[in-house]
Amino acid sequence: MIVLLAALGWVLCNVLVLVVAKGNLPFDWPDAASGSPVERLVSANLGLVEVLLLAVLVFWMTRKRRTLNLASRAPERSLAARETTLLLLYGAGGLIVGFVLARLLGWHPFGLHLAGSLYGTHAHVAPAEAIVWAVYNLVVYAVIPLLYFRRRYSSEALNLRSSNRRADVVLILVVLAIESAVQIAALDPGIFELTGRQFAIGVPLTFVLYLAGAVLPAMVFIYAILVPRFLRLTGSVAATVVLGGLTYTVLHVWDAWTLFNSPGNAVLSIAFLLLTYFAPGMFKTVLTVRTGNAWVHVWAYHAFVPHTLVDTPNIVHIFRIT
């Protein structure tokens, strides 16, 4: 049932874009391949197909591994429900405070992505905004939750310890290689147009900023803490994967390109948030469920690709690296 609902929701997003957009999208997407709604939908749906094929590959590569009972890493059901509810409310509070704080400082609201991530932006982003964004997300979504839950649960219970390092490394390298090739072919990232100095400074700077501001927050908040609890509460891997994708999507609600200044723009923003982040969020959950190691998605499908690969030109521009 949950898979059917997710599929219907995906189809609904496509239909809503075609009906509401009326041939034009209102978003500031300078790095997007096209502003055409149909072409953007084609791109999003091809992205979903690629994610599904990667998921099949992951299931095949992990088929001989010892079966992991991730649900047992969460507490008993009533406590898991309480922890999950409180953590989701805490996350919502983090988004609200991030919105208010950033607006008071004259910046873009703090979500899981820095303004200009993936799609680029024509808006001004100051170096201070990038640094404070990274520190805020790291503290709110990674450090505080980890300090709280690490006092009560082991590293294994939080999916922070590998049960098969060799197999994890092989899986990371395979997924990283495939996803890198796909994104280079599909997105033609501007990283290859940087000068030697821009590359040498921009790559490590981008890696560190996004590791702090996006990768570790998602890893701790969703894949270390929430995923075992989703599995405990639902008893379903499919439901856990869908919930992981939805949670990952919600944490991007303040992406700088989203517009909520009219009902139509709000519908398009929500639709494209789902079309952009739901599938990657699900795949990160698949990697975590199949390996029991939240670090796998960090290195295979987040820190290097897409962020370091795609977002280095944005960071080079923000910090005016010449």
C-alpha atoms as a PDB file:
ATOM      1  CA  MET A   1       0.000   0.000   0.000  1.00  0.00           C
ATOM      2  CA  ILE A   2       2.758   2.472   0.927  1.00  0.00           C
ATOM      3  CA  VAL A   3       4.533   1.858  -2.383  1.00  0.00           C
ATOM      4  CA  LEU A   4       1.293   2.439  -4.293  1.00  0.00           C
ATOM      5  CA  LEU A   5       0.637   5.669  -2.394  1.00  0.00           C
ATOM      6  CA  ALA A   6       4.174   6.872  -3.100  1.00  0.00           C
ATOM      7  CA  ALA A   7       3.773   6.075  -6.798  1.00  0.00           C
ATOM      8  CA  LEU A   8       0.417   7.870  -6.939  1.00  0.00           C
ATOM      9  CA  GLY A   9       1.955  10.859  -5.166  1.00  0.00           C
ATOM     10  CA  TRP A  10       4.760  10.958  -7.712  1.00  0.00           C
ATOM     11  CA  VAL A  11       2.276  10.883 -10.600  1.00  0.00           C
ATOM     12  CA  LEU A  12       0.228  13.610  -8.910  1.00  0.00           C
ATOM     13  CA  CYS A  13       3.309  15.838  -8.689  1.00  0.00           C
ATOM     14  CA  ASN A  14       3.845  15.422 -12.428  1.00  0.00           C
ATOM     15  CA  VAL A  15       0.229  16.245 -13.200  1.00  0.00           C
ATOM     16  CA  LEU A  16       0.189  19.274 -10.915  1.00  0.00           C
ATOM     17  CA  VAL A  17       3.288  20.704 -12.589  1.00  0.00           C
ATOM     18  CA  LEU A  18       1.753  20.321 -16.049  1.00  0.00           C
ATOM     19  CA  VAL A  19      -1.542  21.870 -14.936  1.00  0.00           C
ATOM     20  CA  VAL A  20      -0.253  24.700 -12.736  1.00  0.00           C
ATOM     21  CA  ALA A  21       2.952  25.732 -14.533  1.00  0.00           C
ATOM     22  CA  LYS A  22       1.210  26.522 -17.844  1.00  0.00           C
ATOM     23  CA  GLY A  23       4.463  26.362 -19.772  1.00  0.00           C
ATOM     24  CA  ASN A  24       6.670  28.342 -17.373  1.00  0.00           C
ATOM     25  CA  LEU A  25       8.387  27.748 -14.059  1.00  0.00           C
ATOM     26  CA  PRO A  26       8.908  30.701 -11.672  1.00  0.00           C
ATOM     27  CA  PHE A  27      12.105  29.441 -10.076  1.00  0.00           C
ATOM     28  CA  ASP A  28      15.575  31.000 -10.106  1.00  0.00           C
ATOM     29  CA  TRP A  29      17.460  28.054 -11.615  1.00  0.00           C
ATOM     30  CA  PRO A  30      20.418  29.404 -13.601  1.00  0.00           C
ATOM     31  CA  ASP A  31      22.247  26.066 -13.483  1.00  0.00           C
ATOM     32  CA  ALA A  32      19.225  23.969 -14.524  1.00  0.00           C
ATOM     33  CA  ALA A  33      19.424  22.415 -17.963  1.00  0.00           C
ATOM     34  CA  SER A  34      16.084  23.904 -18.999  1.00  0.00           C
ATOM     35  CA  GLY A  35      13.273  26.047 -17.660  1.00  0.00           C
ATOM     36  CA  SER A  36      10.655  24.078 -19.566  1.00  0.00           C
ATOM     37  CA  PRO A  37       8.253  22.245 -17.220  1.00  0.00           C
ATOM     38  CA  VAL A  38       8.084  19.223 -19.525  1.00  0.00           C
ATOM     39  CA  GLU A  39      11.841  18.934 -19.829  1.00  0.00           C
ATOM     40  CA  ARG A  40      12.270  19.353 -16.078  1.00  0.00           C
ATOM     41  CA  LEU A  41       9.715  16.602 -15.506  1.00  0.00           C
ATOM     42  CA  VAL A  42      11.537  14.339 -17.930  1.00  0.00           C
ATOM     43  CA  SER A  43      14.756  14.996 -16.023  1.00  0.00           C
ATOM     44  CA  ALA A  44      13.098  14.294 -12.664  1.00  0.00           C
ATOM     45  CA  ASN A  45      11.551  11.060 -13.876  1.00  0.00           C
ATOM     46  CA  LEU A  46      14.805   9.871 -15.415  1.00  0.00           C
ATOM     47  CA  GLY A  47      16.400  10.622 -12.058  1.00  0.00           C
ATOM     48  CA  LEU A  48      13.818   8.415 -10.363  1.00  0.00           C
ATOM     49  CA  VAL A  49      14.542   5.591 -12.811  1.00  0.00           C
ATOM     50  CA  GLU A  50      18.254   5.886 -12.101  1.00  0.00           C
ATOM     51  CA  VAL A  51      17.638   5.781  -8.345  1.00  0.00           C
ATOM     52  CA  LEU A  52      15.463   2.687  -8.707  1.00  0.00           C
ATOM     53  CA  LEU A  53      18.146   0.980 -10.796  1.00  0.00           C
ATOM     54  CA  LEU A  54      20.775   1.912  -8.195  1.00  0.00           C
ATOM     55  CA  ALA A  55      18.524   0.468  -5.487  1.00  0.00           C
ATOM     56  CA  VAL A  56      18.274  -2.805  -7.417  1.00  0.00           C
ATOM     57  CA  LEU A  57      22.066  -2.835  -7.718  1.00  0.00           C
ATOM     58  CA  VAL A  58      22.434  -2.264  -3.966  1.00  0.00           C
ATOM     59  CA  PHE A  59      20.028  -5.105  -3.181  1.00  0.00           C
ATOM     60  CA  TRP A  60      22.001  -7.387  -5.512  1.00  0.00           C
ATOM     61  CA  MET A  61      25.384  -6.397  -4.068  1.00  0.00           C
ATOM     62  CA  THR A  62      24.174  -6.920  -0.493  1.00  0.00           C
ATOM     63  CA  ARG A  63      22.190 -10.122  -1.119  1.00  0.00           C
ATOM     64  CA  LYS A  64      24.781 -12.382   0.535  1.00  0.00           C
ATOM     65  CA  ARG A  65      25.406 -10.184   3.551  1.00  0.00           C
ATOM     66  CA  ARG A  66      24.199 -11.148   6.978  1.00  0.00           C
ATOM     67  CA  THR A  67      20.599 -10.039   7.430  1.00  0.00           C
ATOM     68  CA  LEU A  68      20.446  -7.048   9.740  1.00  0.00           C
ATOM     69  CA  ASN A  69      17.589  -6.379  12.124  1.00  0.00           C
ATOM     70  CA  LEU A  70      17.663  -2.601  12.214  1.00  0.00           C
ATOM     71  CA  ALA A  71      14.357  -2.473  14.070  1.00  0.00           C
ATOM     72  CA  SER A  72      16.047  -4.106  17.046  1.00  0.00           C
ATOM     73  CA  ARG A  73      18.408  -1.143  17.230  1.00  0.00           C
ATOM     74  CA  ALA A  74      15.477   1.068  18.201  1.00  0.00           C
ATOM     75  CA  PRO A  75      13.828   0.892  21.635  1.00  0.00           C
ATOM     76  CA  GLU A  76      10.484  -0.793  22.283  1.00  0.00           C
ATOM     77  CA  ARG A  77       7.554   0.544  20.287  1.00  0.00           C
ATOM     78  CA  SER A  78       6.054   3.090  22.694  1.00  0.00           C
ATOM     79  CA  LEU A  79       9.419   4.686  23.450  1.00  0.00           C
ATOM     80  CA  ALA A  80      10.335   4.636  19.759  1.00  0.00           C
ATOM     81  CA  ALA A  81       7.076   6.420  18.951  1.00  0.00           C
ATOM     82  CA  ARG A  82       7.739   9.058  21.596  1.00  0.00           C
ATOM     83  CA  GLU A  83      11.343   9.614  20.467  1.00  0.00           C
ATOM     84  CA  THR A  84      10.307   9.799  16.813  1.00  0.00           C
ATOM     85  CA  THR A  85       7.525  12.302  17.488  1.00  0.00           C
ATOM     86  CA  LEU A  86       9.728  14.513  19.628  1.00  0.00           C
ATOM     87  CA  LEU A  87      12.594  14.378  17.147  1.00  0.00           C
ATOM     88  CA  LEU A  88      10.327  15.342  14.249  1.00  0.00           C
ATOM     89  CA  LEU A  89       8.920  18.237  16.271  1.00  0.00           C
ATOM     90  CA  TYR A  90      12.472  19.244  17.171  1.00  0.00           C
ATOM     91  CA  GLY A  91      13.406  19.160  13.476  1.00  0.00           C
ATOM     92  CA  ALA A  92      10.407  21.329  12.601  1.00  0.00           C
ATOM     93  CA  GLY A  93      11.485  23.749  15.317  1.00  0.00           C
ATOM     94  CA  GLY A  94      14.968  23.816  13.825  1.00  0.00           C
ATOM     95  CA  LEU A  95      13.507  24.795  10.458  1.00  0.00           C
ATOM     96  CA  ILE A  96      11.373  27.543  12.021  1.00  0.00           C
ATOM     97  CA  VAL A  97      14.248  28.997  14.044  1.00  0.00           C
ATOM     98  CA  GLY A  98      16.506  28.715  10.985  1.00  0.00           C
ATOM     99  CA  PHE A  99      13.974  30.703   8.973  1.00  0.00           C
ATOM    100  CA  VAL A 100      13.601  33.450  11.566  1.00  0.00           C
ATOM    101  CA  LEU A 101      17.318  33.721  12.380  1.00  0.00           C
ATOM    102  CA  ALA A 102      18.404  33.877   8.757  1.00  0.00           C
ATOM    103  CA  ARG A 103      15.736  36.439   7.867  1.00  0.00           C
ATOM    104  CA  LEU A 104      16.740  38.646  10.792  1.00  0.00           C
ATOM    105  CA  LEU A 105      20.277  38.597   9.429  1.00  0.00           C
ATOM    106  CA  GLY A 106      19.041  39.392   5.930  1.00  0.00           C
ATOM    107  CA  TRP A 107      19.888  35.952   4.540  1.00  0.00           C
ATOM    108  CA  HIS A 108      18.084  33.042   2.909  1.00  0.00           C
ATOM    109  CA  PRO A 109      16.262  30.764   5.390  1.00  0.00           C
ATOM    110  CA  PHE A 110      18.410  27.938   6.749  1.00  0.00           C
ATOM    111  CA  GLY A 111      17.362  24.563   5.388  1.00  0.00           C
ATOM    112  CA  LEU A 112      19.452  21.560   4.490  1.00  0.00           C
ATOM    113  CA  HIS A 113      20.851  23.327   1.424  1.00  0.00           C
ATOM    114  CA  LEU A 114      22.777  26.549   1.093  1.00  0.00           C
ATOM    115  CA  ALA A 115      21.312  29.043  -1.373  1.00  0.00           C
ATOM    116  CA  GLY A 116      22.528  28.132  -4.862  1.00  0.00           C
ATOM    117  CA  SER A 117      22.956  24.417  -4.147  1.00  0.00           C
ATOM    118  CA  LEU A 118      22.475  22.159  -7.182  1.00  0.00           C
ATOM    119  CA  TYR A 119      20.432  24.671  -9.195  1.00  0.00           C
ATOM    120  CA  GLY A 120      22.537  27.808  -8.722  1.00  0.00           C
ATOM    121  CA  THR A 121      21.114  31.238  -7.934  1.00  0.00           C
ATOM    122  CA  HIS A 122      21.359  34.833  -9.070  1.00  0.00           C
ATOM    123  CA  ALA A 123      20.840  36.029  -5.490  1.00  0.00           C
ATOM    124  CA  HIS A 124      23.750  37.333  -3.445  1.00  0.00           C
ATOM    125  CA  VAL A 125      25.133  34.890  -0.905  1.00  0.00           C
ATOM    126  CA  ALA A 126      27.740  36.263   1.506  1.00  0.00           C
ATOM    127  CA  PRO A 127      30.578  34.127   2.907  1.00  0.00           C
ATOM    128  CA  ALA A 128      29.227  34.781   6.410  1.00  0.00           C
ATOM    129  CA  GLU A 129      25.862  33.311   5.378  1.00  0.00           C
ATOM    130  CA  ALA A 130      27.527  30.131   4.103  1.00  0.00           C
ATOM    131  CA  ILE A 131      29.564  29.693   7.286  1.00  0.00           C
ATOM    132  CA  VAL A 132      26.705  30.409   9.707  1.00  0.00           C
ATOM    133  CA  TRP A 133      24.386  28.122   7.683  1.00  0.00           C
ATOM    134  CA  ALA A 134      26.877  25.259   8.008  1.00  0.00           C
ATOM    135  CA  VAL A 135      27.449  25.819  11.735  1.00  0.00           C
ATOM    136  CA  TYR A 136      23.738  26.165  12.472  1.00  0.00           C
ATOM    137  CA  ASN A 137      22.769  22.950  10.690  1.00  0.00           C
ATOM    138  CA  LEU A 138      25.682  21.022  12.158  1.00  0.00           C
ATOM    139  CA  VAL A 139      24.795  22.018  15.712  1.00  0.00           C
ATOM    140  CA  VAL A 140      21.005  21.728  15.420  1.00  0.00           C
ATOM    141  CA  TYR A 141      20.624  18.557  13.358  1.00  0.00           C
ATOM    142  CA  ALA A 142      23.817  16.659  14.152  1.00  0.00           C
ATOM    143  CA  VAL A 143      25.635  17.690  17.330  1.00  0.00           C
ATOM    144  CA  ILE A 144      22.679  18.157  19.696  1.00  0.00           C
ATOM    145  CA  PRO A 145      20.736  15.041  18.583  1.00  0.00           C
ATOM    146  CA  LEU A 146      23.897  12.932  18.618  1.00  0.00           C
ATOM    147  CA  LEU A 147      24.910  14.097  22.091  1.00  0.00           C
ATOM    148  CA  TYR A 148      21.427  13.281  23.394  1.00  0.00           C
ATOM    149  CA  PHE A 149      21.005   9.863  21.780  1.00  0.00           C
ATOM    150  CA  ARG A 150      24.636   8.745  22.135  1.00  0.00           C
ATOM    151  CA  ARG A 151      24.237   8.870  25.928  1.00  0.00           C
ATOM    152  CA  ARG A 152      21.433   6.320  25.628  1.00  0.00           C
ATOM    153  CA  TYR A 153      22.369   4.154  22.637  1.00  0.00           C
ATOM    154  CA  SER A 154      25.510   2.507  21.291  1.00  0.00           C
ATOM    155  CA  SER A 155      27.233   3.377  18.014  1.00  0.00           C
ATOM    156  CA  GLU A 156      25.798   0.209  16.507  1.00  0.00           C
ATOM    157  CA  ALA A 157      22.261   1.131  17.608  1.00  0.00           C
ATOM    158  CA  LEU A 158      22.714   4.483  15.847  1.00  0.00           C
ATOM    159  CA  ASN A 159      23.973   2.896  12.603  1.00  0.00           C
ATOM    160  CA  LEU A 160      27.401   4.470  13.097  1.00  0.00           C
ATOM    161  CA  ARG A 161      29.455   1.258  13.046  1.00  0.00           C
ATOM    162  CA  SER A 162      30.056  -0.971  10.050  1.00  0.00           C
ATOM    163  CA  SER A 163      29.287  -4.668  10.323  1.00  0.00           C
ATOM    164  CA  ASN A 164      31.287  -5.415   7.160  1.00  0.00           C
ATOM    165  CA  ARG A 165      33.829  -2.738   6.284  1.00  0.00           C
ATOM    166  CA  ARG A 166      35.156  -4.424   3.161  1.00  0.00           C
ATOM    167  CA  ALA A 167      31.697  -4.853   1.670  1.00  0.00           C
ATOM    168  CA  ASP A 168      30.764  -1.286   2.618  1.00  0.00           C
ATOM    169  CA  VAL A 169      33.845   0.111   0.895  1.00  0.00           C
ATOM    170  CA  VAL A 170      33.153  -1.855  -2.282  1.00  0.00           C
ATOM    171  CA  LEU A 171      29.537  -0.673  -2.303  1.00  0.00           C
ATOM    172  CA  ILE A 172      30.604   2.938  -1.731  1.00  0.00           C
ATOM    173  CA  LEU A 173      33.091   2.851  -4.605  1.00  0.00           C
ATOM    174  CA  VAL A 174      30.637   1.270  -7.043  1.00  0.00           C
ATOM    175  CA  VAL A 175      27.769   3.665  -6.268  1.00  0.00           C
ATOM    176  CA  LEU A 176      30.108   6.670  -6.200  1.00  0.00           C
ATOM    177  CA  ALA A 177      31.578   5.770  -9.593  1.00  0.00           C
ATOM    178  CA  ILE A 178      28.181   5.263 -11.215  1.00  0.00           C
ATOM    179  CA  GLU A 179      26.585   8.379  -9.734  1.00  0.00           C
ATOM    180  CA  SER A 180      29.625  10.507 -10.599  1.00  0.00           C
ATOM    181  CA  ALA A 181      29.475   9.376 -14.229  1.00  0.00           C
ATOM    182  CA  VAL A 182      25.725   9.998 -14.422  1.00  0.00           C
ATOM    183  CA  GLN A 183      25.921  13.484 -12.935  1.00  0.00           C
ATOM    184  CA  ILE A 184      28.876  14.508 -15.065  1.00  0.00           C
ATOM    185  CA  ALA A 185      27.010  13.369 -18.179  1.00  0.00           C
ATOM    186  CA  ALA A 186      23.633  14.822 -17.162  1.00  0.00           C
ATOM    187  CA  LEU A 187      24.589  18.056 -15.426  1.00  0.00           C
ATOM    188  CA  ASP A 188      27.903  19.027 -17.041  1.00  0.00           C
ATOM    189  CA  PRO A 189      29.066  20.550 -13.718  1.00  0.00           C
ATOM    190  CA  GLY A 190      31.102  23.716 -13.929  1.00  0.00           C
ATOM    191  CA  ILE A 191      33.804  22.312 -11.652  1.00  0.00           C
ATOM    192  CA  PHE A 192      35.835  21.350 -14.721  1.00  0.00           C
ATOM    193  CA  GLU A 193      35.899  24.958 -15.890  1.00  0.00           C
ATOM    194  CA  LEU A 194      37.599  26.252 -12.735  1.00  0.00           C
ATOM    195  CA  THR A 195      41.202  27.389 -12.733  1.00  0.00           C
ATOM    196  CA  GLY A 196      43.786  25.323 -10.905  1.00  0.00           C
ATOM    197  CA  ARG A 197      43.749  27.668  -7.912  1.00  0.00           C
ATOM    198  CA  GLN A 198      39.959  27.782  -7.770  1.00  0.00           C
ATOM    199  CA  PHE A 199      39.854  23.997  -7.889  1.00  0.00           C
ATOM    200  CA  ALA A 200      42.555  23.547  -5.238  1.00  0.00           C
ATOM    201  CA  ILE A 201      40.845  25.904  -2.777  1.00  0.00           C
ATOM    202  CA  GLY A 202      37.217  25.476  -3.771  1.00  0.00           C
ATOM    203  CA  VAL A 203      36.991  21.676  -3.651  1.00  0.00           C
ATOM    204  CA  PRO A 204      38.123  21.186  -0.036  1.00  0.00           C
ATOM    205  CA  LEU A 205      36.201  24.282   1.093  1.00  0.00           C
ATOM    206  CA  THR A 206      33.007  22.980  -0.534  1.00  0.00           C
ATOM    207  CA  PHE A 207      33.547  19.520   0.919  1.00  0.00           C
ATOM    208  CA  VAL A 208      33.942  20.854   4.467  1.00  0.00           C
ATOM    209  CA  LEU A 209      31.035  23.331   4.273  1.00  0.00           C
ATOM    210  CA  TYR A 210      28.574  20.816   2.859  1.00  0.00           C
ATOM    211  CA  LEU A 211      29.781  18.034   5.126  1.00  0.00           C
ATOM    212  CA  ALA A 212      28.956  20.285   8.068  1.00  0.00           C
ATOM    213  CA  GLY A 213      25.844  21.974   6.705  1.00  0.00           C
ATOM    214  CA  ALA A 214      24.075  19.198   4.799  1.00  0.00           C
ATOM    215  CA  VAL A 215      25.700  15.767   4.928  1.00  0.00           C
ATOM    216  CA  LEU A 216      26.295  15.169   8.635  1.00  0.00           C
ATOM    217  CA  PRO A 217      22.982  16.784   9.662  1.00  0.00           C
ATOM    218  CA  ALA A 218      21.060  14.453   7.325  1.00  0.00           C
ATOM    219  CA  MET A 219      23.114  11.439   8.365  1.00  0.00           C
ATOM    220  CA  VAL A 220      22.606  11.897  12.098  1.00  0.00           C
ATOM    221  CA  PHE A 221      19.059  13.211  12.128  1.00  0.00           C
ATOM    222  CA  ILE A 222      17.518  10.829   9.592  1.00  0.00           C
ATOM    223  CA  TYR A 223      19.740   7.842   8.897  1.00  0.00           C
ATOM    224  CA  ALA A 224      21.346   7.295  12.290  1.00  0.00           C
ATOM    225  CA  ILE A 225      18.373   8.054  14.537  1.00  0.00           C
ATOM    226  CA  LEU A 226      15.068   8.087  12.662  1.00  0.00           C
ATOM    227  CA  VAL A 227      15.503   5.160  10.252  1.00  0.00           C
ATOM    228  CA  PRO A 228      15.677   2.401  12.910  1.00  0.00           C
ATOM    229  CA  ARG A 229      12.670   3.980  14.638  1.00  0.00           C
ATOM    230  CA  PHE A 230      10.687   4.181  11.403  1.00  0.00           C
ATOM    231  CA  LEU A 231      11.388   0.482  10.899  1.00  0.00           C
ATOM    232  CA  ARG A 232      10.411  -0.375  14.471  1.00  0.00           C
ATOM    233  CA  LEU A 233       7.128   1.547  14.182  1.00  0.00           C
ATOM    234  CA  THR A 234       6.095   0.386  10.703  1.00  0.00           C
ATOM    235  CA  GLY A 235       7.625  -3.087  10.566  1.00  0.00           C
ATOM    236  CA  SER A 236       8.097  -2.446   6.850  1.00  0.00           C
ATOM    237  CA  VAL A 237      11.265  -1.730   4.887  1.00  0.00           C
ATOM    238  CA  ALA A 238       9.189  -0.142   2.104  1.00  0.00           C
ATOM    239  CA  ALA A 239       7.434   2.206   4.531  1.00  0.00           C
ATOM    240  CA  THR A 240      10.758   3.076   6.148  1.00  0.00           C
ATOM    241  CA  VAL A 241      12.280   3.920   2.762  1.00  0.00           C
ATOM    242  CA  VAL A 242       9.318   6.148   1.869  1.00  0.00           C
ATOM    243  CA  LEU A 243       9.376   7.897   5.259  1.00  0.00           C
ATOM    244  CA  GLY A 244      13.109   8.442   4.897  1.00  0.00           C
ATOM    245  CA  GLY A 245      12.531  10.066   1.509  1.00  0.00           C
ATOM    246  CA  LEU A 246       9.764  12.300   2.842  1.00  0.00           C
ATOM    247  CA  THR A 247      11.786  13.423   5.867  1.00  0.00           C
ATOM    248  CA  TYR A 248      14.763  14.223   3.662  1.00  0.00           C
ATOM    249  CA  THR A 249      12.488  16.276   1.389  1.00  0.00           C
ATOM    250  CA  VAL A 250      10.953  18.300   4.226  1.00  0.00           C
ATOM    251  CA  LEU A 251      14.372  19.355   5.498  1.00  0.00           C
ATOM    252  CA  HIS A 252      14.887  21.139   2.151  1.00  0.00           C
ATOM    253  CA  VAL A 253      11.684  23.161   2.362  1.00  0.00           C
ATOM    254  CA  TRP A 254      13.590  26.471   2.617  1.00  0.00           C
ATOM    255  CA  ASP A 255      15.665  25.910  -0.526  1.00  0.00           C
ATOM    256  CA  ALA A 256      16.362  29.377  -1.913  1.00  0.00           C
ATOM    257  CA  TRP A 257      14.517  28.699  -5.178  1.00  0.00           C
ATOM    258  CA  THR A 258      11.204  27.768  -3.522  1.00  0.00           C
ATOM    259  CA  LEU A 259       8.403  30.339  -3.725  1.00  0.00           C
ATOM    260  CA  PHE A 260       5.385  30.482  -1.424  1.00  0.00           C
ATOM    261  CA  ASN A 261       4.100  33.898  -2.471  1.00  0.00           C
ATOM    262  CA  SER A 262       1.029  32.488  -4.232  1.00  0.00           C
ATOM    263  CA  PRO A 263      -0.977  29.238  -4.147  1.00  0.00           C
ATOM    264  CA  GLY A 264       0.267  28.254  -7.597  1.00  0.00           C
ATOM    265  CA  ASN A 265       3.934  28.873  -6.765  1.00  0.00           C
ATOM    266  CA  ALA A 266       3.523  27.026  -3.469  1.00  0.00           C
ATOM    267  CA  VAL A 267       2.110  23.988  -5.299  1.00  0.00           C
ATOM    268  CA  LEU A 268       4.964  24.048  -7.802  1.00  0.00           C
ATOM    269  CA  SER A 269       7.538  24.449  -5.027  1.00  0.00           C
ATOM    270  CA  ILE A 270       6.205  21.473  -3.063  1.00  0.00           C
ATOM    271  CA  ALA A 271       5.959  19.398  -6.232  1.00  0.00           C
ATOM    272  CA  PHE A 272       9.541  20.097  -7.240  1.00  0.00           C
ATOM    273  CA  LEU A 273      10.829  19.592  -3.712  1.00  0.00           C
ATOM    274  CA  LEU A 274       9.388  16.081  -3.913  1.00  0.00           C
ATOM    275  CA  LEU A 275      10.585  15.544  -7.485  1.00  0.00           C
ATOM    276  CA  THR A 276      14.083  16.678  -6.508  1.00  0.00           C
ATOM    277  CA  TYR A 277      14.666  15.140  -3.082  1.00  0.00           C
ATOM    278  CA  PHE A 278      12.227  12.288  -2.478  1.00  0.00           C
ATOM    279  CA  ALA A 279      14.051   9.734  -4.627  1.00  0.00           C
ATOM    280  CA  PRO A 280      17.569  10.561  -3.325  1.00  0.00           C
ATOM    281  CA  GLY A 281      16.216  10.489   0.241  1.00  0.00           C
ATOM    282  CA  MET A 282      14.752   7.053  -0.387  1.00  0.00           C
ATOM    283  CA  PHE A 283      17.987   5.772  -1.879  1.00  0.00           C
ATOM    284  CA  LYS A 284      20.000   6.994   1.103  1.00  0.00           C
ATOM    285  CA  THR A 285      17.543   5.056   3.273  1.00  0.00           C
ATOM    286  CA  VAL A 286      18.007   1.942   1.135  1.00  0.00           C
ATOM    287  CA  LEU A 287      21.774   2.172   1.581  1.00  0.00           C
ATOM    288  CA  THR A 288      21.329   2.488   5.343  1.00  0.00           C
ATOM    289  CA  VAL A 289      18.799  -0.340   5.681  1.00  0.00           C
ATOM    290  CA  ARG A 290      20.839  -2.749   3.560  1.00  0.00           C
ATOM    291  CA  THR A 291      24.163  -2.047   5.287  1.00  0.00           C
ATOM    292  CA  GLY A 292      23.160  -0.895   8.768  1.00  0.00           C
ATOM    293  CA  ASN A 293      25.775   1.817   8.323  1.00  0.00           C
ATOM    294  CA  ALA A 294      24.684   5.453   7.967  1.00  0.00           C
ATOM    295  CA  TRP A 295      28.175   6.391   6.792  1.00  0.00           C
ATOM    296  CA  VAL A 296      27.762   4.483   3.518  1.00  0.00           C
ATOM    297  CA  HIS A 297      25.429   7.033   1.961  1.00  0.00           C
ATOM    298  CA  VAL A 298      27.698   9.876   3.132  1.00  0.00           C
ATOM    299  CA  TRP A 299      30.600   8.769   0.967  1.00  0.00           C
ATOM    300  CA  ALA A 300      28.697   7.018  -1.816  1.00  0.00           C
ATOM    301  CA  TYR A 301      25.860   9.418  -2.476  1.00  0.00           C
ATOM    302  CA  HIS A 302      26.124  12.758  -0.715  1.00  0.00           C
ATOM    303  CA  ALA A 303      29.424  14.344   0.298  1.00  0.00           C
ATOM    304  CA  PHE A 304      31.391  13.936  -2.939  1.00  0.00           C
ATOM    305  CA  VAL A 305      28.471  13.515  -5.313  1.00  0.00           C
ATOM    306  CA  PRO A 306      26.488  15.636  -5.737  1.00  0.00           C
ATOM    307  CA  HIS A 307      27.720  18.380  -3.446  1.00  0.00           C
ATOM    308  CA  THR A 308      31.460  18.631  -4.005  1.00  0.00           C
ATOM    309  CA  LEU A 309      31.070  17.821  -7.692  1.00  0.00           C
ATOM    310  CA  VAL A 310      28.165  20.169  -8.404  1.00  0.00           C
ATOM    311  CA  ASP A 311      28.417  22.926  -5.782  1.00  0.00           C
ATOM    312  CA  THR A 312      32.106  23.834  -5.883  1.00  0.00           C
ATOM    313  CA  PRO A 313      31.526  26.596  -8.495  1.00  0.00           C
ATOM    314  CA  ASN A 314      28.875  28.114  -6.213  1.00  0.00           C
ATOM    315  CA  ILE A 315      31.291  28.188  -3.268  1.00  0.00           C
ATOM    316  CA  VAL A 316      34.061  29.599  -5.461  1.00  0.00           C
ATOM    317  CA  HIS A 317      31.682  32.404  -6.458  1.00  0.00           C
ATOM    318  CA  ILE A 318      30.501  33.047  -2.870  1.00  0.00           C
ATOM    319  CA  PHE A 319      34.040  33.315  -1.472  1.00  0.00           C
ATOM    320  CA  ARG A 320      35.304  35.115  -4.592  1.00  0.00           C
ATOM    321  CA  ILE A 321      38.169  32.695  -5.149  1.00  0.00           C
ATOM    322  CA  THR A 322      40.176  33.795  -8.187  1.00  0.00           C
END
